[in-house]
Amino acid sequence: MKQHILPAVRLTIFCIFFFCGAYCLLILGVARLAPNHGKGKTLSANGRVVGFALVGQKFDQDKYFWNRPSAAGYNAAGSAGSNKGPSNPDYLKQVGERVDSFLVHNPGVRKNQVPAELVTASGSGLDPDLSPEAANIQIKRISSVRTIDESKLKSLVESMIQTPTLGRPYVNVLELNLRLDQLK
């Protein structure tokens, strides 16, 4: 029995030291070599930090591009999905209300044209990106509120599209709205 317990205790102590100490320091060291020293990409406007590029922000004014809804209230410390399945009646009611609200604020858009990502939260509740299609469907609303030509907004969206090596093209909503505020 002693021959089994002592190696198990030694292995446990080693794993605690390695995974709680050495491994964490190794990952911290790698992060320090990354851009911005592992602190994330911050975005600034008028000399002050307005948010992180990888964390969704709440935009609900008609003059801005809206992003995905958040089940976490856009709180990065409490990142979470709603854990409600697609057949949950409460979830379906909530999505229906979001669709109705989107249609009220975007006249001319039909119910079947509303991108799902604009009415459903992501798994983390903090997705900062939209598909180009979800951004483009909002152009008419923003154009009428800001009295900016739709073609100018379309060009802005196209200039902000990022295409990863793997995956679908996307637009970062915070970066897009910061650039939108710079338009005259």
Foldseek 3Di string as FASTA:
>chain_A
DVVPVVVVVVVVVVCCCCVVPVVVVVVQVVQCVDPVRVPAAFDDDPPDTDGGLFFADQDDDLLAQGFAAFPQNSDQVRFAFPPDDPVRPVLVVQLVVQLVVVCVLQPPDDSVQADSRNRHADGRRTGQKDALSSRLSSLVSNCVVVVDDSVVLNVLSVVQWDCDPDDHIIGGRVVSRSVSVVDD
